[in-house]
Amino acid sequence: MAWEATHLLPLVLLVLLASGSWEQRPQPLRKREGEEVSIRCEYPPQSGSNTKNLVQRNTSRNL
């Protein structure tokens, strides 16, 4: 019984780690000109000021 539980632990950890990495994908946000945009970014404390952030404004009219 204990062997089965420890055997499944790496699989459970892999699923948890993979699900966290899926949250890292950028998601498009469509707003009209003049509308407010609020973005909340959570970074771990160790990321410090070396973290690069990118905000892109697409001015294309054919969205």
C-alpha atoms as a PDB file:
ATOM      1  CA  MET A   1       0.000   0.000   0.000  1.00  0.00           C
ATOM      2  CA  ALA A   2       2.758   2.464   0.891  1.00  0.00           C
ATOM      3  CA  TRP A   3       4.629   1.539  -2.301  1.00  0.00           C
ATOM      4  CA  GLU A   4       1.577   2.478  -4.401  1.00  0.00           C
ATOM      5  CA  ALA A   5       1.301   5.885  -2.751  1.00  0.00           C
ATOM      6  CA  THR A   6       4.984   6.716  -3.248  1.00  0.00           C
ATOM      7  CA  HIS A   7       4.837   5.362  -6.787  1.00  0.00           C
ATOM      8  CA  LEU A   8       2.070   7.839  -7.676  1.00  0.00           C
ATOM      9  CA  LEU A   9       3.761  10.851  -6.068  1.00  0.00           C
ATOM     10  CA  PRO A  10       5.982  11.762  -9.073  1.00  0.00           C
ATOM     11  CA  LEU A  11       2.971  11.561 -11.385  1.00  0.00           C
ATOM     12  CA  VAL A  12       0.917  13.840  -9.129  1.00  0.00           C
ATOM     13  CA  LEU A  13       3.780  16.332  -8.899  1.00  0.00           C
ATOM     14  CA  LEU A  14       4.199  16.319 -12.673  1.00  0.00           C
ATOM     15  CA  VAL A  15       0.512  17.107 -13.168  1.00  0.00           C
ATOM     16  CA  LEU A  16       0.669  19.948 -10.644  1.00  0.00           C
ATOM     17  CA  LEU A  17       3.777  21.446 -12.235  1.00  0.00           C
ATOM     18  CA  ALA A  18       2.377  21.165 -15.742  1.00  0.00           C
ATOM     19  CA  SER A  19      -0.905  22.813 -14.777  1.00  0.00           C
ATOM     20  CA  GLY A  20       1.002  25.784 -13.357  1.00  0.00           C
ATOM     21  CA  SER A  21       2.977  26.228 -16.556  1.00  0.00           C
ATOM     22  CA  TRP A  22      -0.222  26.405 -18.611  1.00  0.00           C
ATOM     23  CA  GLU A  23      -1.097  29.625 -16.795  1.00  0.00           C
ATOM     24  CA  GLN A  24       1.970  31.324 -18.266  1.00  0.00           C
ATOM     25  CA  ARG A  25       0.549  31.679 -21.774  1.00  0.00           C
ATOM     26  CA  PRO A  26      -0.335  35.213 -22.834  1.00  0.00           C
ATOM     27  CA  GLN A  27      -4.023  35.805 -23.357  1.00  0.00           C
ATOM     28  CA  PRO A  28      -5.228  38.396 -25.859  1.00  0.00           C
ATOM     29  CA  LEU A  29      -7.266  41.224 -24.426  1.00  0.00           C
ATOM     30  CA  ARG A  30      -9.522  43.161 -26.772  1.00  0.00           C
ATOM     31  CA  LYS A  31     -10.718  46.597 -25.737  1.00  0.00           C
ATOM     32  CA  ARG A  32     -11.862  49.621 -27.666  1.00  0.00           C
ATOM     33  CA  GLU A  33      -9.751  52.759 -27.692  1.00  0.00           C
ATOM     34  CA  GLY A  34     -10.456  54.761 -24.567  1.00  0.00           C
ATOM     35  CA  GLU A  35     -11.547  51.787 -22.444  1.00  0.00           C
ATOM     36  CA  GLU A  36      -9.619  51.103 -19.258  1.00  0.00           C
ATOM     37  CA  VAL A  37      -7.373  48.082 -19.003  1.00  0.00           C
ATOM     38  CA  SER A  38      -6.265  46.638 -15.681  1.00  0.00           C
ATOM     39  CA  ILE A  39      -3.664  43.882 -15.603  1.00  0.00           C
ATOM     40  CA  ARG A  40      -2.471  42.070 -12.498  1.00  0.00           C
ATOM     41  CA  CYS A  41       0.864  40.287 -12.704  1.00  0.00           C
ATOM     42  CA  GLU A  42       2.040  38.108  -9.864  1.00  0.00           C
ATOM     43  CA  TYR A  43       5.742  37.346  -9.712  1.00  0.00           C
ATOM     44  CA  PRO A  44       7.610  35.379  -7.081  1.00  0.00           C
ATOM     45  CA  PRO A  45       9.713  37.553  -4.735  1.00  0.00           C
ATOM     46  CA  GLN A  46      12.959  36.153  -6.152  1.00  0.00           C
ATOM     47  CA  SER A  47      12.175  37.455  -9.665  1.00  0.00           C
ATOM     48  CA  GLY A  48      13.366  40.920  -8.632  1.00  0.00           C
ATOM     49  CA  SER A  49      13.989  43.683 -11.145  1.00  0.00           C
ATOM     50  CA  ASN A  50      15.551  41.353 -13.726  1.00  0.00           C
ATOM     51  CA  THR A  51      12.108  40.259 -14.903  1.00  0.00           C
ATOM     52  CA  LYS A  52      11.196  41.482 -18.371  1.00  0.00           C
ATOM     53  CA  ASN A  53       7.627  42.577 -18.933  1.00  0.00           C
ATOM     54  CA  LEU A  54       6.053  43.127 -22.333  1.00  0.00           C
ATOM     55  CA  VAL A  55       2.937  45.106 -23.076  1.00  0.00           C
ATOM     56  CA  GLN A  56       1.999  45.267 -26.721  1.00  0.00           C
ATOM     57  CA  ARG A  57      -0.552  47.583 -28.237  1.00  0.00           C
ATOM     58  CA  ASN A  58      -1.938  46.385 -31.520  1.00  0.00           C
ATOM     59  CA  THR A  59      -3.252  49.284 -33.581  1.00  0.00           C
ATOM     60  CA  SER A  60      -4.408  47.133 -36.478  1.00  0.00           C
ATOM     61  CA  ARG A  61      -7.957  47.966 -37.593  1.00  0.00           C
ATOM     62  CA  ASN A  62      -8.746  44.458 -38.878  1.00  0.00           C
ATOM     63  CA  LEU A  63      -9.071  42.766 -35.475  1.00  0.00           C
END
